[in-house]
Amino acid sequence: MDGDVRRAGLAGERELLATVPGPADGMTIDCAGNLYVASHLQPDGRVNVLAPDGTTLGSLTTAAQTTNLAFGGADHRTLYVSAGRALYSVALNLPGYPN
């Protein structure tokens, strides 16, 4: 979309990208533009993965409700997920953005 961000950093018009189960909490993005969304109130601790066009690519689950996530590690290919009183990590094929 052209004009999403206006001068002085003000946001332009909004557009619905996708609907995920439960309210979204933390989010992060990988180098391919895929969006990782922590769905906080999902009982299975779901992280939904969406393509840049909003298509659901899949999901990851933990043992507790997810709250936040971020890429890290030396090569930025480790996704860290906070859920309940735990911190989970999973190695991915794509690095986070920016890598």
C-alpha atoms as a PDB file:
ATOM      1  CA  MET A   1       0.000   0.000   0.000  1.00  0.00           C
ATOM      2  CA  ASP A   2       1.229   3.465  -0.758  1.00  0.00           C
ATOM      3  CA  GLY A   3       0.970   6.073   1.945  1.00  0.00           C
ATOM      4  CA  ASP A   4       0.752   3.727   4.948  1.00  0.00           C
ATOM      5  CA  VAL A   5       3.058   5.969   6.950  1.00  0.00           C
ATOM      6  CA  ARG A   6       2.631   9.688   6.571  1.00  0.00           C
ATOM      7  CA  ARG A   7       5.057  12.434   7.407  1.00  0.00           C
ATOM      8  CA  ALA A   8       6.105  12.641  11.053  1.00  0.00           C
ATOM      9  CA  GLY A   9       5.480   8.882  11.407  1.00  0.00           C
ATOM     10  CA  LEU A  10       1.692   9.124  11.564  1.00  0.00           C
ATOM     11  CA  ALA A  11      -0.206   6.032  10.397  1.00  0.00           C
ATOM     12  CA  GLY A  12      -2.460   6.135   7.365  1.00  0.00           C
ATOM     13  CA  GLU A  13      -5.503   3.993   6.660  1.00  0.00           C
ATOM     14  CA  ARG A  14      -5.682   0.521   8.256  1.00  0.00           C
ATOM     15  CA  GLU A  15      -6.303  -2.678   6.349  1.00  0.00           C
ATOM     16  CA  LEU A  16      -7.185  -6.093   7.788  1.00  0.00           C
ATOM     17  CA  LEU A  17      -4.354  -8.557   7.121  1.00  0.00           C
ATOM     18  CA  ALA A  18      -5.721 -11.682   8.812  1.00  0.00           C
ATOM     19  CA  THR A  19      -7.779 -12.999  11.684  1.00  0.00           C
ATOM     20  CA  VAL A  20      -6.066 -15.237  14.231  1.00  0.00           C
ATOM     21  CA  PRO A  21      -7.666 -17.234  17.063  1.00  0.00           C
ATOM     22  CA  GLY A  22      -7.697 -15.406  20.370  1.00  0.00           C
ATOM     23  CA  PRO A  23      -6.392 -11.889  20.896  1.00  0.00           C
ATOM     24  CA  ALA A  24      -2.948 -11.220  19.467  1.00  0.00           C
ATOM     25  CA  ASP A  25      -0.209 -10.290  21.912  1.00  0.00           C
ATOM     26  CA  GLY A  26       3.461 -10.177  20.894  1.00  0.00           C
ATOM     27  CA  MET A  27       4.550 -10.281  17.252  1.00  0.00           C
ATOM     28  CA  THR A  28       7.753 -10.599  15.255  1.00  0.00           C
ATOM     29  CA  ILE A  29       8.710 -10.976  11.598  1.00  0.00           C
ATOM     30  CA  ASP A  30      11.233 -13.075   9.685  1.00  0.00           C
ATOM     31  CA  CYS A  31      13.412 -12.049   6.731  1.00  0.00           C
ATOM     32  CA  ALA A  32      10.799 -13.322   4.234  1.00  0.00           C
ATOM     33  CA  GLY A  33       8.118 -11.058   5.738  1.00  0.00           C
ATOM     34  CA  ASN A  34       6.243 -13.840   7.553  1.00  0.00           C
ATOM     35  CA  LEU A  35       4.499 -12.612  10.697  1.00  0.00           C
ATOM     36  CA  TYR A  36       4.618 -14.638  13.947  1.00  0.00           C
ATOM     37  CA  VAL A  37       1.732 -13.796  16.298  1.00  0.00           C
ATOM     38  CA  ALA A  38       1.442 -14.919  19.926  1.00  0.00           C
ATOM     39  CA  SER A  39      -2.265 -15.611  20.538  1.00  0.00           C
ATOM     40  CA  HIS A  40      -2.339 -15.028  24.272  1.00  0.00           C
ATOM     41  CA  LEU A  41      -5.651 -16.578  25.299  1.00  0.00           C
ATOM     42  CA  GLN A  42      -5.318 -19.780  23.284  1.00  0.00           C
ATOM     43  CA  PRO A  43      -5.035 -22.546  25.926  1.00  0.00           C
ATOM     44  CA  ASP A  44      -2.453 -24.467  23.889  1.00  0.00           C
ATOM     45  CA  GLY A  45      -0.014 -21.543  23.765  1.00  0.00           C
ATOM     46  CA  ARG A  46      -0.342 -20.942  20.067  1.00  0.00           C
ATOM     47  CA  VAL A  47       1.987 -18.941  17.819  1.00  0.00           C
ATOM     48  CA  ASN A  48       0.339 -18.385  14.439  1.00  0.00           C
ATOM     49  CA  VAL A  49       2.571 -17.911  11.387  1.00  0.00           C
ATOM     50  CA  LEU A  50       1.197 -15.769   8.559  1.00  0.00           C
ATOM     51  CA  ALA A  51       2.575 -15.106   5.071  1.00  0.00           C
ATOM     52  CA  PRO A  52       2.939 -11.476   3.957  1.00  0.00           C
ATOM     53  CA  ASP A  53      -0.455 -11.714   2.207  1.00  0.00           C
ATOM     54  CA  GLY A  54      -2.148 -12.874   5.445  1.00  0.00           C
ATOM     55  CA  THR A  55      -2.395 -16.560   4.502  1.00  0.00           C
ATOM     56  CA  THR A  56      -1.932 -18.857   7.494  1.00  0.00           C
ATOM     57  CA  LEU A  57       1.239 -20.918   7.021  1.00  0.00           C
ATOM     58  CA  GLY A  58       0.920 -22.904  10.241  1.00  0.00           C
ATOM     59  CA  SER A  59       1.340 -22.636  13.976  1.00  0.00           C
ATOM     60  CA  LEU A  60       3.566 -23.613  16.877  1.00  0.00           C
ATOM     61  CA  THR A  61       2.249 -24.601  20.288  1.00  0.00           C
ATOM     62  CA  THR A  62       3.650 -24.509  23.810  1.00  0.00           C
ATOM     63  CA  ALA A  63       2.375 -25.814  27.131  1.00  0.00           C
ATOM     64  CA  ALA A  64       1.166 -22.396  28.334  1.00  0.00           C
ATOM     65  CA  GLN A  65      -0.401 -19.203  27.017  1.00  0.00           C
ATOM     66  CA  THR A  66       2.057 -17.282  24.845  1.00  0.00           C
ATOM     67  CA  THR A  67       2.756 -13.634  25.528  1.00  0.00           C
ATOM     68  CA  ASN A  68       5.717 -12.531  23.432  1.00  0.00           C
ATOM     69  CA  LEU A  69       8.308 -13.707  20.947  1.00  0.00           C
ATOM     70  CA  ALA A  70      11.536 -12.610  19.287  1.00  0.00           C
ATOM     71  CA  PHE A  71      14.267 -13.928  17.034  1.00  0.00           C
ATOM     72  CA  GLY A  72      17.767 -14.316  18.443  1.00  0.00           C
ATOM     73  CA  GLY A  73      20.868 -16.438  18.487  1.00  0.00           C
ATOM     74  CA  ALA A  74      24.098 -15.898  16.574  1.00  0.00           C
ATOM     75  CA  ASP A  75      22.391 -16.437  13.206  1.00  0.00           C
ATOM     76  CA  HIS A  76      18.948 -14.996  14.216  1.00  0.00           C
ATOM     77  CA  ARG A  77      17.334 -18.367  13.349  1.00  0.00           C
ATOM     78  CA  THR A  78      16.132 -19.129  16.883  1.00  0.00           C
ATOM     79  CA  LEU A  79      12.596 -18.078  17.767  1.00  0.00           C
ATOM     80  CA  TYR A  80      12.186 -17.419  21.501  1.00  0.00           C
ATOM     81  CA  VAL A  81       8.653 -17.602  22.903  1.00  0.00           C
ATOM     82  CA  SER A  82       7.623 -16.537  26.396  1.00  0.00           C
ATOM     83  CA  ALA A  83       4.678 -18.510  27.737  1.00  0.00           C
ATOM     84  CA  GLY A  84       3.510 -18.591  31.347  1.00  0.00           C
ATOM     85  CA  ARG A  85       6.639 -18.810  33.495  1.00  0.00           C
ATOM     86  CA  ALA A  86       8.696 -20.456  30.735  1.00  0.00           C
ATOM     87  CA  LEU A  87      10.826 -19.409  27.799  1.00  0.00           C
ATOM     88  CA  TYR A  88      10.773 -21.730  24.791  1.00  0.00           C
ATOM     89  CA  SER A  89      13.119 -21.748  21.819  1.00  0.00           C
ATOM     90  CA  VAL A  90      12.829 -23.344  18.410  1.00  0.00           C
ATOM     91  CA  ALA A  91      15.365 -23.388  15.572  1.00  0.00           C
ATOM     92  CA  LEU A  92      13.911 -22.216  12.253  1.00  0.00           C
ATOM     93  CA  ASN A  93      15.139 -22.278   8.657  1.00  0.00           C
ATOM     94  CA  LEU A  94      14.632 -18.541   8.139  1.00  0.00           C
ATOM     95  CA  PRO A  95      16.316 -15.843  10.212  1.00  0.00           C
ATOM     96  CA  GLY A  96      14.351 -13.079  11.840  1.00  0.00           C
ATOM     97  CA  TYR A  97      14.336  -9.588  10.402  1.00  0.00           C
ATOM     98  CA  PRO A  98      16.741  -7.919  10.254  1.00  0.00           C
ATOM     99  CA  ASN A  99      19.186 -10.781  10.074  1.00  0.00           C
END
